[in-house]
Amino acid sequence: MFRPKLPTMPHSTGTVTPPVVVEPTTISSGASTPPATVPASTRPTVQLTPGTALALVGGGTAVVLVVGAVLVSLLLAVAITGASVAVCALVIRSLVHADAKRR
């Protein structure tokens, strides 16, 4: 089950043809052909006007502000969680310590 299955090599049919020899051809220096022209692009060109540039800057600023607010809120949530865990640890430690003093 875990052994690889290797393909078997097919047997030759018996008739083997020799490889074809390709004769080199000479290149004649005749009339040169003009270079091919590059076809025009069918994609529309983007025109960057002052209004679109302002819209792009405004959109980029909004994205940066939103991402920054989300990251700051996540950092604040982690800080508050850490502080509350520290306070809970201090309270539990003082309760255990006070309970040990009474005995």
Protein backbone atom coordinates (compact mmCIF):
# COMPACT_ATOMS: atom_id res chain seq x y z
CA MET A 1 0.00 0.00 0.00
CA PHE A 2 2.81 2.43 0.84
CA ARG A 3 5.12 1.39 -1.99
CA PRO A 4 5.26 3.71 -4.99
CA LYS A 5 3.89 2.44 -8.25
CA LEU A 6 6.52 2.93 -10.92
CA PRO A 7 5.38 3.00 -14.53
CA THR A 8 6.80 0.31 -16.76
CA MET A 9 8.72 1.28 -19.87
CA PRO A 10 6.91 0.38 -23.10
CA HIS A 11 8.67 -2.12 -25.31
CA SER A 12 9.91 -1.03 -28.71
CA THR A 13 7.85 -2.07 -31.72
CA GLY A 14 10.90 -3.35 -33.59
CA THR A 15 10.99 -0.75 -36.39
CA VAL A 16 13.36 2.09 -35.61
CA THR A 17 13.73 4.99 -38.03
CA PRO A 18 17.05 6.84 -38.12
CA PRO A 19 17.01 10.51 -37.17
CA VAL A 20 16.58 13.00 -39.98
CA VAL A 21 19.64 15.13 -40.77
CA VAL A 22 18.81 18.79 -41.24
CA GLU A 23 20.91 20.60 -43.82
CA PRO A 24 21.93 24.17 -42.92
CA THR A 25 20.67 26.81 -45.29
CA THR A 26 22.45 29.95 -46.37
CA ILE A 27 21.03 33.37 -45.66
CA SER A 28 21.01 35.65 -48.66
CA SER A 29 21.35 39.36 -48.06
CA GLY A 30 18.50 40.64 -50.16
CA ALA A 31 16.26 43.64 -49.66
CA SER A 32 15.71 44.35 -46.03
CA THR A 33 12.18 44.16 -44.75
CA PRO A 34 10.82 47.12 -42.78
CA PRO A 35 10.36 46.52 -39.05
CA ALA A 36 6.91 45.47 -37.98
CA THR A 37 4.80 48.20 -36.42
CA VAL A 38 3.47 47.71 -32.93
CA PRO A 39 -0.33 47.74 -32.83
CA ALA A 40 -1.92 50.47 -30.74
CA SER A 41 -3.10 49.46 -27.28
CA THR A 42 -6.84 48.99 -26.90
CA ARG A 43 -6.74 49.83 -23.18
CA PRO A 44 -8.04 53.25 -22.22
CA THR A 45 -5.49 55.69 -20.89
CA VAL A 46 -5.94 56.97 -17.36
CA GLN A 47 -6.11 60.74 -17.07
CA LEU A 48 -5.07 62.01 -13.63
CA THR A 49 -6.84 65.30 -13.09
CA PRO A 50 -6.50 67.43 -9.95
CA GLY A 51 -9.92 66.25 -8.80
CA THR A 52 -9.04 62.57 -9.08
CA ALA A 53 -5.68 63.17 -7.42
CA LEU A 54 -7.45 64.86 -4.50
CA ALA A 55 -9.91 61.97 -4.29
CA LEU A 56 -7.06 59.45 -4.23
CA VAL A 57 -5.25 61.37 -1.49
CA GLY A 58 -8.47 61.68 0.54
CA GLY A 59 -9.25 57.97 0.14
CA GLY A 60 -5.74 56.97 1.14
CA THR A 61 -5.89 59.23 4.19
CA ALA A 62 -9.22 57.73 5.23
CA VAL A 63 -7.85 54.20 4.92
CA VAL A 64 -4.79 55.06 7.00
CA LEU A 65 -6.93 56.68 9.70
CA VAL A 66 -9.35 53.75 9.89
CA VAL A 67 -6.55 51.16 10.05
CA GLY A 68 -4.74 53.23 12.67
CA ALA A 69 -7.88 53.54 14.81
CA VAL A 70 -8.46 49.78 14.64
CA LEU A 71 -4.86 49.01 15.61
CA VAL A 72 -4.90 51.50 18.50
CA SER A 73 -8.17 50.07 19.80
CA LEU A 74 -6.74 46.55 19.65
CA LEU A 75 -3.64 47.68 21.55
CA LEU A 76 -5.82 49.40 24.14
CA ALA A 77 -7.93 46.26 24.56
CA VAL A 78 -4.79 44.18 25.17
CA ALA A 79 -3.50 46.72 27.70
CA ILE A 80 -6.80 46.81 29.60
CA THR A 81 -6.98 43.00 29.62
CA GLY A 82 -3.43 42.77 30.97
CA ALA A 83 -4.13 45.30 33.71
CA SER A 84 -7.31 43.54 34.79
CA VAL A 85 -5.51 40.17 34.92
CA ALA A 86 -2.78 41.77 37.06
CA VAL A 87 -5.37 43.23 39.45
CA CYS A 88 -7.14 39.85 39.69
CA ALA A 89 -3.81 38.16 40.47
CA LEU A 90 -3.09 40.68 43.25
CA VAL A 91 -6.56 40.21 44.77
CA ILE A 92 -6.28 36.41 44.71
CA ARG A 93 -2.77 36.59 46.19
CA SER A 94 -3.92 38.83 49.04
CA LEU A 95 -6.92 36.57 49.73
CA VAL A 96 -4.71 33.48 49.85
CA HIS A 97 -2.15 35.32 52.03
CA ALA A 98 -4.84 36.60 54.44
CA ASP A 99 -6.38 33.12 54.66
CA ALA A 100 -2.96 31.63 55.52
CA LYS A 101 -2.41 34.24 58.29
CA ARG A 102 -5.69 33.37 60.02
CA ARG A 103 -4.76 29.72 60.47
